[in-house]
């Protein structure tokens, strides 16, 4: 189950139409899945109450993927949104 609702994500992105709801929901799920792979655990199983930094990370990543749907672009940075690696580094369950 996603830790960010469609309504929360649309408010975060200032989207007020329904045409892209299915795409936005898919990006929320993909963003959470990607974050969980980086963290090494499923967020909802790890925390009784989901920390706000992880919720924000999912919102930022889903918004980035929504706004930049192409694999490459001159205007798109090649990395995760600013601050994502900091959140992952602070919350992950493994080290290298």
PDB file of N, CA and C in Angstrom:
ATOM      1  N   UNK A   1       0.838  -1.185   0.000  1.00  0.00           N
ATOM      2  CA  UNK A   1       0.000   0.000   0.000  1.00  0.00           C
ATOM      3  C   UNK A   1       0.879   1.242   0.000  1.00  0.00           C
ATOM      4  N   UNK A   2       0.486   2.231  -0.761  1.00  0.00           N
ATOM      5  CA  UNK A   2       1.281   3.449  -0.876  1.00  0.00           C
ATOM      6  C   UNK A   2       1.174   4.294   0.393  1.00  0.00           C
ATOM      7  N   UNK A   3       2.278   4.916   0.767  1.00  0.00           N
ATOM      8  CA  UNK A   3       2.300   5.782   1.948  1.00  0.00           C
ATOM      9  C   UNK A   3       1.841   7.199   1.608  1.00  0.00           C
ATOM     10  N   UNK A   4       1.654   7.477   0.326  1.00  0.00           N
ATOM     11  CA  UNK A   4       1.164   8.774  -0.138  1.00  0.00           C
ATOM     12  C   UNK A   4      -0.119   8.524  -0.932  1.00  0.00           C
ATOM     13  N   UNK A   5      -1.173   9.242  -0.619  1.00  0.00           N
ATOM     14  CA  UNK A   5      -2.426   9.084  -1.353  1.00  0.00           C
ATOM     15  C   UNK A   5      -2.386   9.902  -2.643  1.00  0.00           C
ATOM     16  N   UNK A   6      -3.281   9.560  -3.535  1.00  0.00           N
ATOM     17  CA  UNK A   6      -3.392  10.315  -4.779  1.00  0.00           C
ATOM     18  C   UNK A   6      -3.689  11.788  -4.482  1.00  0.00           C
ATOM     19  N   UNK A   7      -4.587  12.041  -3.557  1.00  0.00           N
ATOM     20  CA  UNK A   7      -4.934  13.418  -3.196  1.00  0.00           C
ATOM     21  C   UNK A   7      -3.745  14.190  -2.655  1.00  0.00           C
ATOM     22  N   UNK A   8      -2.957  13.546  -1.788  1.00  0.00           N
ATOM     23  CA  UNK A   8      -1.764  14.199  -1.239  1.00  0.00           C
ATOM     24  C   UNK A   8      -0.760  14.526  -2.345  1.00  0.00           C
ATOM     25  N   UNK A   9      -0.572  13.579  -3.264  1.00  0.00           N
ATOM     26  CA  UNK A   9       0.389  13.790  -4.341  1.00  0.00           C
ATOM     27  C   UNK A   9      -0.070  14.900  -5.283  1.00  0.00           C
ATOM     28  N   UNK A  10      -1.347  14.901  -5.621  1.00  0.00           N
ATOM     29  CA  UNK A  10      -1.860  15.944  -6.506  1.00  0.00           C
ATOM     30  C   UNK A  10      -1.759  17.319  -5.845  1.00  0.00           C
ATOM     31  N   UNK A  11      -2.017  17.409  -4.557  1.00  0.00           N
ATOM     32  CA  UNK A  11      -1.857  18.678  -3.840  1.00  0.00           C
ATOM     33  C   UNK A  11      -0.401  19.107  -3.847  1.00  0.00           C
ATOM     34  N   UNK A  12       0.504  18.165  -3.639  1.00  0.00           N
ATOM     35  CA  UNK A  12       1.942  18.448  -3.653  1.00  0.00           C
ATOM     36  C   UNK A  12       2.373  19.017  -5.001  1.00  0.00           C
ATOM     37  N   UNK A  13       1.791  18.493  -6.075  1.00  0.00           N
ATOM     38  CA  UNK A  13       2.177  18.904  -7.430  1.00  0.00           C
ATOM     39  C   UNK A  13       1.278  20.005  -7.996  1.00  0.00           C
ATOM     40  N   UNK A  14       0.279  20.445  -7.241  1.00  0.00           N
ATOM     41  CA  UNK A  14      -0.670  21.458  -7.699  1.00  0.00           C
ATOM     42  C   UNK A  14      -1.391  21.004  -8.967  1.00  0.00           C
ATOM     43  N   UNK A  15      -1.813  19.752  -8.985  1.00  0.00           N
ATOM     44  CA  UNK A  15      -2.578  19.196 -10.101  1.00  0.00           C
ATOM     45  C   UNK A  15      -4.038  19.153  -9.669  1.00  0.00           C
ATOM     46  N   UNK A  16      -4.908  19.791 -10.458  1.00  0.00           N
ATOM     47  CA  UNK A  16      -6.318  19.853 -10.069  1.00  0.00           C
ATOM     48  C   UNK A  16      -7.255  19.256 -11.114  1.00  0.00           C
ATOM     49  N   UNK A  17      -6.746  18.365 -11.941  1.00  0.00           N
ATOM     50  CA  UNK A  17      -7.566  17.680 -12.932  1.00  0.00           C
ATOM     51  C   UNK A  17      -7.382  16.181 -12.753  1.00  0.00           C
ATOM     52  N   UNK A  18      -8.264  15.385 -13.352  1.00  0.00           N
ATOM     53  CA  UNK A  18      -8.253  13.944 -13.131  1.00  0.00           C
ATOM     54  C   UNK A  18      -7.674  13.138 -14.287  1.00  0.00           C
ATOM     55  N   UNK A  19      -7.329  13.795 -15.380  1.00  0.00           N
ATOM     56  CA  UNK A  19      -6.858  13.085 -16.578  1.00  0.00           C
ATOM     57  C   UNK A  19      -5.658  12.178 -16.314  1.00  0.00           C
ATOM     58  N   UNK A  20      -4.769  12.593 -15.433  1.00  0.00           N
ATOM     59  CA  UNK A  20      -3.526  11.850 -15.189  1.00  0.00           C
ATOM     60  C   UNK A  20      -3.538  11.034 -13.902  1.00  0.00           C
ATOM     61  N   UNK A  21      -4.706  10.837 -13.298  1.00  0.00           N
ATOM     62  CA  UNK A  21      -4.766  10.143 -12.006  1.00  0.00           C
ATOM     63  C   UNK A  21      -4.111   8.761 -12.042  1.00  0.00           C
ATOM     64  N   UNK A  22      -4.383   7.988 -13.069  1.00  0.00           N
ATOM     65  CA  UNK A  22      -3.802   6.640 -13.140  1.00  0.00           C
ATOM     66  C   UNK A  22      -2.282   6.714 -13.248  1.00  0.00           C
ATOM     67  N   UNK A  23      -1.783   7.647 -14.039  1.00  0.00           N
ATOM     68  CA  UNK A  23      -0.326   7.809 -14.184  1.00  0.00           C
ATOM     69  C   UNK A  23       0.302   8.263 -12.878  1.00  0.00           C
ATOM     70  N   UNK A  24      -0.341   9.173 -12.180  1.00  0.00           N
ATOM     71  CA  UNK A  24       0.186   9.668 -10.905  1.00  0.00           C
ATOM     72  C   UNK A  24       0.203   8.552  -9.865  1.00  0.00           C
ATOM     73  N   UNK A  25      -0.860   7.759  -9.800  1.00  0.00           N
ATOM     74  CA  UNK A  25      -0.885   6.627  -8.861  1.00  0.00           C
ATOM     75  C   UNK A  25       0.231   5.638  -9.171  1.00  0.00           C
ATOM     76  N   UNK A  26       0.475   5.372 -10.442  1.00  0.00           N
ATOM     77  CA  UNK A  26       1.551   4.459 -10.829  1.00  0.00           C
ATOM     78  C   UNK A  26       2.911   5.030 -10.436  1.00  0.00           C
ATOM     79  N   UNK A  27       3.077   6.339 -10.567  1.00  0.00           N
ATOM     80  CA  UNK A  27       4.350   6.953 -10.196  1.00  0.00           C
ATOM     81  C   UNK A  27       4.559   6.965  -8.686  1.00  0.00           C
ATOM     82  N   UNK A  28       3.485   7.101  -7.931  1.00  0.00           N
ATOM     83  CA  UNK A  28       3.586   7.007  -6.468  1.00  0.00           C
ATOM     84  C   UNK A  28       4.073   5.612  -6.083  1.00  0.00           C
ATOM     85  N   UNK A  29       3.447   4.588  -6.635  1.00  0.00           N
ATOM     86  CA  UNK A  29       3.837   3.208  -6.328  1.00  0.00           C
ATOM     87  C   UNK A  29       5.273   2.929  -6.758  1.00  0.00           C
ATOM     88  N   UNK A  30       5.649   3.394  -7.935  1.00  0.00           N
ATOM     89  CA  UNK A  30       7.013   3.178  -8.427  1.00  0.00           C
ATOM     90  C   UNK A  30       8.023   3.917  -7.560  1.00  0.00           C
ATOM     91  N   UNK A  31       7.700   5.143  -7.156  1.00  0.00           N
ATOM     92  CA  UNK A  31       8.608   5.925  -6.320  1.00  0.00           C
ATOM     93  C   UNK A  31       8.816   5.256  -4.965  1.00  0.00           C
ATOM     94  N   UNK A  32       7.726   4.779  -4.367  1.00  0.00           N
ATOM     95  CA  UNK A  32       7.848   4.105  -3.073  1.00  0.00           C
ATOM     96  C   UNK A  32       8.651   2.819  -3.216  1.00  0.00           C
ATOM     97  N   UNK A  33       8.380   2.062  -4.247  1.00  0.00           N
ATOM     98  CA  UNK A  33       9.121   0.827  -4.482  1.00  0.00           C
ATOM     99  C   UNK A  33      10.617   1.105  -4.659  1.00  0.00           C
ATOM    100  N   UNK A  34      10.930   2.123  -5.430  1.00  0.00           N
ATOM    101  CA  UNK A  34      12.337   2.481  -5.653  1.00  0.00           C
ATOM    102  C   UNK A  34      12.997   2.895  -4.339  1.00  0.00           C
ATOM    103  N   UNK A  35      12.313   3.731  -3.571  1.00  0.00           N
ATOM    104  CA  UNK A  35      12.847   4.161  -2.281  1.00  0.00           C
ATOM    105  C   UNK A  35      13.059   2.969  -1.353  1.00  0.00           C
ATOM    106  N   UNK A  36      12.102   2.040  -1.323  1.00  0.00           N
ATOM    107  CA  UNK A  36      12.235   0.866  -0.465  1.00  0.00           C
ATOM    108  C   UNK A  36      13.416  -0.007  -0.889  1.00  0.00           C
ATOM    109  N   UNK A  37      13.676  -0.107  -2.169  1.00  0.00           N
ATOM    110  CA  UNK A  37      14.854  -0.853  -2.640  1.00  0.00           C
ATOM    111  C   UNK A  37      16.131  -0.190  -2.158  1.00  0.00           C
ATOM    112  N   UNK A  38      16.170   1.129  -2.206  1.00  0.00           N
ATOM    113  CA  UNK A  38      17.352   1.857  -1.729  1.00  0.00           C
ATOM    114  C   UNK A  38      17.520   1.732  -0.220  1.00  0.00           C
ATOM    115  N   UNK A  39      16.404   1.696   0.504  1.00  0.00           N
ATOM    116  CA  UNK A  39      16.446   1.603   1.961  1.00  0.00           C
ATOM    117  C   UNK A  39      16.735   0.191   2.455  1.00  0.00           C
ATOM    118  N   UNK A  40      16.296  -0.796   1.710  1.00  0.00           N
ATOM    119  CA  UNK A  40      16.494  -2.177   2.124  1.00  0.00           C
ATOM    120  C   UNK A  40      15.369  -2.728   2.984  1.00  0.00           C
ATOM    121  N   UNK A  41      14.227  -2.068   2.997  1.00  0.00           N
ATOM    122  CA  UNK A  41      13.061  -2.554   3.756  1.00  0.00           C
ATOM    123  C   UNK A  41      11.787  -1.928   3.207  1.00  0.00           C
ATOM    124  N   UNK A  42      10.641  -2.542   3.576  1.00  0.00           N
ATOM    125  CA  UNK A  42       9.348  -1.979   3.231  1.00  0.00           C
ATOM    126  C   UNK A  42       8.969  -0.981   4.317  1.00  0.00           C
ATOM    127  N   UNK A  43       8.664   0.212   3.910  1.00  0.00           N
ATOM    128  CA  UNK A  43       8.449   1.324   4.841  1.00  0.00           C
ATOM    129  C   UNK A  43       7.343   1.017   5.848  1.00  0.00           C
ATOM    130  N   UNK A  44       6.202   0.520   5.387  1.00  0.00           N
ATOM    131  CA  UNK A  44       5.073   0.294   6.286  1.00  0.00           C
ATOM    132  C   UNK A  44       5.318  -0.843   7.275  1.00  0.00           C
ATOM    133  N   UNK A  45       6.210  -1.753   6.938  1.00  0.00           N
ATOM    134  CA  UNK A  45       6.547  -2.828   7.871  1.00  0.00           C
ATOM    135  C   UNK A  45       7.569  -2.365   8.910  1.00  0.00           C
ATOM    136  N   UNK A  46       8.355  -1.369   8.558  1.00  0.00           N
ATOM    137  CA  UNK A  46       9.429  -0.886   9.430  1.00  0.00           C
ATOM    138  C   UNK A  46       8.921   0.090  10.492  1.00  0.00           C
ATOM    139  N   UNK A  47       7.908   0.885  10.147  1.00  0.00           N
ATOM    140  CA  UNK A  47       7.448   1.951  11.037  1.00  0.00           C
ATOM    141  C   UNK A  47       5.959   1.833  11.311  1.00  0.00           C
ATOM    142  N   UNK A  48       5.591   2.032  12.562  1.00  0.00           N
ATOM    143  CA  UNK A  48       4.178   2.081  12.919  1.00  0.00           C
ATOM    144  C   UNK A  48       3.559   3.355  12.357  1.00  0.00           C
ATOM    145  N   UNK A  49       4.277   4.461  12.495  1.00  0.00           N
ATOM    146  CA  UNK A  49       3.887   5.741  11.905  1.00  0.00           C
ATOM    147  C   UNK A  49       4.975   6.121  10.904  1.00  0.00           C
ATOM    148  N   UNK A  50       4.611   6.329   9.658  1.00  0.00           N
ATOM    149  CA  UNK A  50       5.583   6.617   8.607  1.00  0.00           C
ATOM    150  C   UNK A  50       6.210   7.985   8.863  1.00  0.00           C
ATOM    151  N   UNK A  51       7.548   8.041   8.918  1.00  0.00           N
ATOM    152  CA  UNK A  51       8.231   9.327   9.117  1.00  0.00           C
ATOM    153  C   UNK A  51       7.967  10.282   7.953  1.00  0.00           C
ATOM    154  N   UNK A  52       7.845  11.547   8.284  1.00  0.00           N
ATOM    155  CA  UNK A  52       7.503  12.550   7.276  1.00  0.00           C
ATOM    156  C   UNK A  52       8.585  12.701   6.209  1.00  0.00           C
ATOM    157  N   UNK A  53       9.848  12.432   6.548  1.00  0.00           N
ATOM    158  CA  UNK A  53      10.886  12.553   5.526  1.00  0.00           C
ATOM    159  C   UNK A  53      10.738  11.487   4.447  1.00  0.00           C
ATOM    160  N   UNK A  54      10.268  10.307   4.812  1.00  0.00           N
ATOM    161  CA  UNK A  54      10.057   9.257   3.814  1.00  0.00           C
ATOM    162  C   UNK A  54       8.838   9.570   2.950  1.00  0.00           C
ATOM    163  N   UNK A  55       7.801  10.114   3.557  1.00  0.00           N
ATOM    164  CA  UNK A  55       6.636  10.542   2.783  1.00  0.00           C
ATOM    165  C   UNK A  55       7.039  11.631   1.796  1.00  0.00           C
ATOM    166  N   UNK A  56       7.814  12.574   2.254  1.00  0.00           N
ATOM    167  CA  UNK A  56       8.279  13.655   1.382  1.00  0.00           C
ATOM    168  C   UNK A  56       9.157  13.126   0.259  1.00  0.00           C
ATOM    169  N   UNK A  57       9.987  12.158   0.555  1.00  0.00           N
ATOM    170  CA  UNK A  57      10.841  11.568  -0.475  1.00  0.00           C
ATOM    171  C   UNK A  57      10.018  10.917  -1.581  1.00  0.00           C
ATOM    172  N   UNK A  58       8.958  10.200  -1.213  1.00  0.00           N
ATOM    173  CA  UNK A  58       8.085   9.580  -2.209  1.00  0.00           C
ATOM    174  C   UNK A  58       7.406  10.669  -3.042  1.00  0.00           C
ATOM    175  N   UNK A  59       6.914  11.719  -2.389  1.00  0.00           N
ATOM    176  CA  UNK A  59       6.263  12.809  -3.115  1.00  0.00           C
ATOM    177  C   UNK A  59       7.217  13.470  -4.103  1.00  0.00           C
ATOM    178  N   UNK A  60       8.434  13.755  -3.660  1.00  0.00           N
ATOM    179  CA  UNK A  60       9.402  14.418  -4.532  1.00  0.00           C
ATOM    180  C   UNK A  60       9.777  13.541  -5.718  1.00  0.00           C
ATOM    181  N   UNK A  61      10.013  12.269  -5.461  1.00  0.00           N
ATOM    182  CA  UNK A  61      10.406  11.371  -6.542  1.00  0.00           C
ATOM    183  C   UNK A  61       9.262  11.172  -7.532  1.00  0.00           C
ATOM    184  N   UNK A  62       8.052  10.966  -7.043  1.00  0.00           N
ATOM    185  CA  UNK A  62       6.900  10.804  -7.943  1.00  0.00           C
ATOM    186  C   UNK A  62       6.659  12.077  -8.749  1.00  0.00           C
ATOM    187  N   UNK A  63       6.809  13.234  -8.121  1.00  0.00           N
ATOM    188  CA  UNK A  63       6.635  14.504  -8.831  1.00  0.00           C
ATOM    189  C   UNK A  63       7.701  14.685  -9.906  1.00  0.00           C
ATOM    190  N   UNK A  64       8.928  14.313  -9.591  1.00  0.00           N
ATOM    191  CA  UNK A  64      10.012  14.413 -10.572  1.00  0.00           C
ATOM    192  C   UNK A  64       9.723  13.522 -11.760  1.00  0.00           C
ATOM    193  N   UNK A  65       9.287  12.306 -11.516  1.00  0.00           N
ATOM    194  CA  UNK A  65       8.977  11.384 -12.611  1.00  0.00           C
ATOM    195  C   UNK A  65       7.753  11.836 -13.396  1.00  0.00           C
ATOM    196  N   UNK A  66       6.788  12.474 -12.747  1.00  0.00           N
ATOM    197  CA  UNK A  66       5.607  12.992 -13.439  1.00  0.00           C
ATOM    198  C   UNK A  66       6.001  14.149 -14.363  1.00  0.00           C
ATOM    199  N   UNK A  67       6.807  15.047 -13.855  1.00  0.00           N
ATOM    200  CA  UNK A  67       7.203  16.226 -14.634  1.00  0.00           C
ATOM    201  C   UNK A  67       8.193  15.892 -15.742  1.00  0.00           C
ATOM    202  N   UNK A  68       8.959  14.840 -15.580  1.00  0.00           N
ATOM    203  CA  UNK A  68      10.019  14.480 -16.529  1.00  0.00           C
ATOM    204  C   UNK A  68       9.821  13.040 -16.965  1.00  0.00           C
ATOM    205  N   UNK A  69       8.930  12.827 -17.889  1.00  0.00           N
ATOM    206  CA  UNK A  69       8.540  11.474 -18.280  1.00  0.00           C
ATOM    207  C   UNK A  69       9.474  10.841 -19.298  1.00  0.00           C
ATOM    208  N   UNK A  70      10.393  11.589 -19.816  1.00  0.00           N
ATOM    209  CA  UNK A  70      11.358  11.048 -20.782  1.00  0.00           C
ATOM    210  C   UNK A  70      12.583  10.519 -20.041  1.00  0.00           C
ATOM    211  N   UNK A  71      13.243   9.551 -20.629  1.00  0.00           N
ATOM    212  CA  UNK A  71      14.423   8.961 -20.005  1.00  0.00           C
ATOM    213  C   UNK A  71      15.573   9.960 -19.919  1.00  0.00           C
ATOM    214  N   UNK A  72      15.698  10.817 -20.918  1.00  0.00           N
ATOM    215  CA  UNK A  72      16.745  11.835 -20.908  1.00  0.00           C
ATOM    216  C   UNK A  72      16.175  13.147 -21.414  1.00  0.00           C
ATOM    217  N   UNK A  73      16.752  14.228 -20.941  1.00  0.00           N
ATOM    218  CA  UNK A  73      16.341  15.557 -21.365  1.00  0.00           C
ATOM    219  C   UNK A  73      17.426  16.537 -20.978  1.00  0.00           C
ATOM    220  N   UNK A  74      17.547  17.596 -21.712  1.00  0.00           N
ATOM    221  CA  UNK A  74      18.526  18.635 -21.393  1.00  0.00           C
ATOM    222  C   UNK A  74      18.183  19.288 -20.063  1.00  0.00           C
ATOM    223  N   UNK A  75      16.893  19.423 -19.772  1.00  0.00           N
ATOM    224  CA  UNK A  75      16.439  20.123 -18.580  1.00  0.00           C
ATOM    225  C   UNK A  75      16.347  19.253 -17.336  1.00  0.00           C
ATOM    226  N   UNK A  76      16.538  17.950 -17.471  1.00  0.00           N
ATOM    227  CA  UNK A  76      16.325  17.028 -16.356  1.00  0.00           C
ATOM    228  C   UNK A  76      17.658  16.608 -15.752  1.00  0.00           C
ATOM    229  N   UNK A  77      17.808  16.788 -14.438  1.00  0.00           N
ATOM    230  CA  UNK A  77      19.027  16.289 -13.802  1.00  0.00           C
ATOM    231  C   UNK A  77      19.053  14.761 -13.841  1.00  0.00           C
ATOM    232  N   UNK A  78      20.242  14.192 -13.863  1.00  0.00           N
ATOM    233  CA  UNK A  78      20.378  12.748 -13.971  1.00  0.00           C
ATOM    234  C   UNK A  78      20.248  11.998 -12.663  1.00  0.00           C
ATOM    235  N   UNK A  79      20.195  12.696 -11.567  1.00  0.00           N
ATOM    236  CA  UNK A  79      20.140  12.075 -10.253  1.00  0.00           C
ATOM    237  C   UNK A  79      18.746  12.151  -9.655  1.00  0.00           C
ATOM    238  N   UNK A  80      18.594  11.540  -8.504  1.00  0.00           N
ATOM    239  CA  UNK A  80      17.350  11.641  -7.745  1.00  0.00           C
ATOM    240  C   UNK A  80      17.170  13.085  -7.282  1.00  0.00           C
ATOM    241  N   UNK A  81      15.943  13.483  -6.925  1.00  0.00           N
ATOM    242  CA  UNK A  81      15.715  14.854  -6.447  1.00  0.00           C
ATOM    243  C   UNK A  81      16.622  15.203  -5.273  1.00  0.00           C
ATOM    244  N   UNK A  82      16.938  16.488  -5.151  1.00  0.00           N
ATOM    245  CA  UNK A  82      17.818  16.972  -4.095  1.00  0.00           C
ATOM    246  C   UNK A  82      17.339  16.490  -2.723  1.00  0.00           C
ATOM    247  N   UNK A  83      18.225  15.961  -1.953  1.00  0.00           N
ATOM    248  CA  UNK A  83      17.906  15.497  -0.613  1.00  0.00           C
ATOM    249  C   UNK A  83      17.545  14.024  -0.508  1.00  0.00           C
ATOM    250  N   UNK A  84      17.252  13.373  -1.620  1.00  0.00           N
ATOM    251  CA  UNK A  84      16.863  11.960  -1.576  1.00  0.00           C
ATOM    252  C   UNK A  84      17.973  11.089  -0.996  1.00  0.00           C
ATOM    253  N   UNK A  85      19.204  11.299  -1.452  1.00  0.00           N
ATOM    254  CA  UNK A  85      20.301  10.467  -0.944  1.00  0.00           C
ATOM    255  C   UNK A  85      20.531  10.694   0.542  1.00  0.00           C
ATOM    256  N   UNK A  86      20.303  11.930   1.010  1.00  0.00           N
ATOM    257  CA  UNK A  86      20.443  12.203   2.441  1.00  0.00           C
ATOM    258  C   UNK A  86      19.425  11.394   3.243  1.00  0.00           C
ATOM    259  N   UNK A  87      18.193  11.355   2.768  1.00  0.00           N
ATOM    260  CA  UNK A  87      17.143  10.586   3.454  1.00  0.00           C
ATOM    261  C   UNK A  87      17.483   9.103   3.434  1.00  0.00           C
ATOM    262  N   UNK A  88      17.902   8.601   2.295  1.00  0.00           N
ATOM    263  CA  UNK A  88      18.257   7.183   2.177  1.00  0.00           C
ATOM    264  C   UNK A  88      19.418   6.857   3.116  1.00  0.00           C
ATOM    265  N   UNK A  89      20.432   7.681   3.111  1.00  0.00           N
ATOM    266  CA  UNK A  89      21.616   7.440   3.948  1.00  0.00           C
ATOM    267  C   UNK A  89      21.241   7.399   5.432  1.00  0.00           C
ATOM    268  N   UNK A  90      20.340   8.266   5.852  1.00  0.00           N
ATOM    269  CA  UNK A  90      19.954   8.333   7.266  1.00  0.00           C
ATOM    270  C   UNK A  90      19.010   7.214   7.691  1.00  0.00           C
ATOM    271  N   UNK A  91      18.239   6.661   6.743  1.00  0.00           N
ATOM    272  CA  UNK A  91      17.195   5.700   7.085  1.00  0.00           C
ATOM    273  C   UNK A  91      17.458   4.264   6.683  1.00  0.00           C
ATOM    274  N   UNK A  92      18.470   4.017   5.872  1.00  0.00           N
ATOM    275  CA  UNK A  92      18.638   2.645   5.363  1.00  0.00           C
ATOM    276  C   UNK A  92      19.128   1.681   6.448  1.00  0.00           C
ATOM    277  N   UNK A  93      18.916   0.395   6.197  1.00  0.00           N
ATOM    278  CA  UNK A  93      19.267  -0.663   7.146  1.00  0.00           C
ATOM    279  C   UNK A  93      20.541  -1.410   6.787  1.00  0.00           C
ATOM    280  N   UNK A  94      21.326  -0.880   5.892  1.00  0.00           N
ATOM    281  CA  UNK A  94      22.541  -1.567   5.477  1.00  0.00           C
ATOM    282  C   UNK A  94      23.630  -0.535   5.213  1.00  0.00           C
ATOM    283  N   UNK A  95      24.870  -0.991   5.180  1.00  0.00           N
ATOM    284  CA  UNK A  95      25.991  -0.127   4.848  1.00  0.00           C
ATOM    285  C   UNK A  95      26.897  -0.855   3.862  1.00  0.00           C
ATOM    286  N   UNK A  96      27.744  -0.086   3.219  1.00  0.00           N
ATOM    287  CA  UNK A  96      28.699  -0.674   2.295  1.00  0.00           C
ATOM    288  C   UNK A  96      30.056  -0.745   2.926  1.00  0.00           C
TER     289      UNK A  96
END
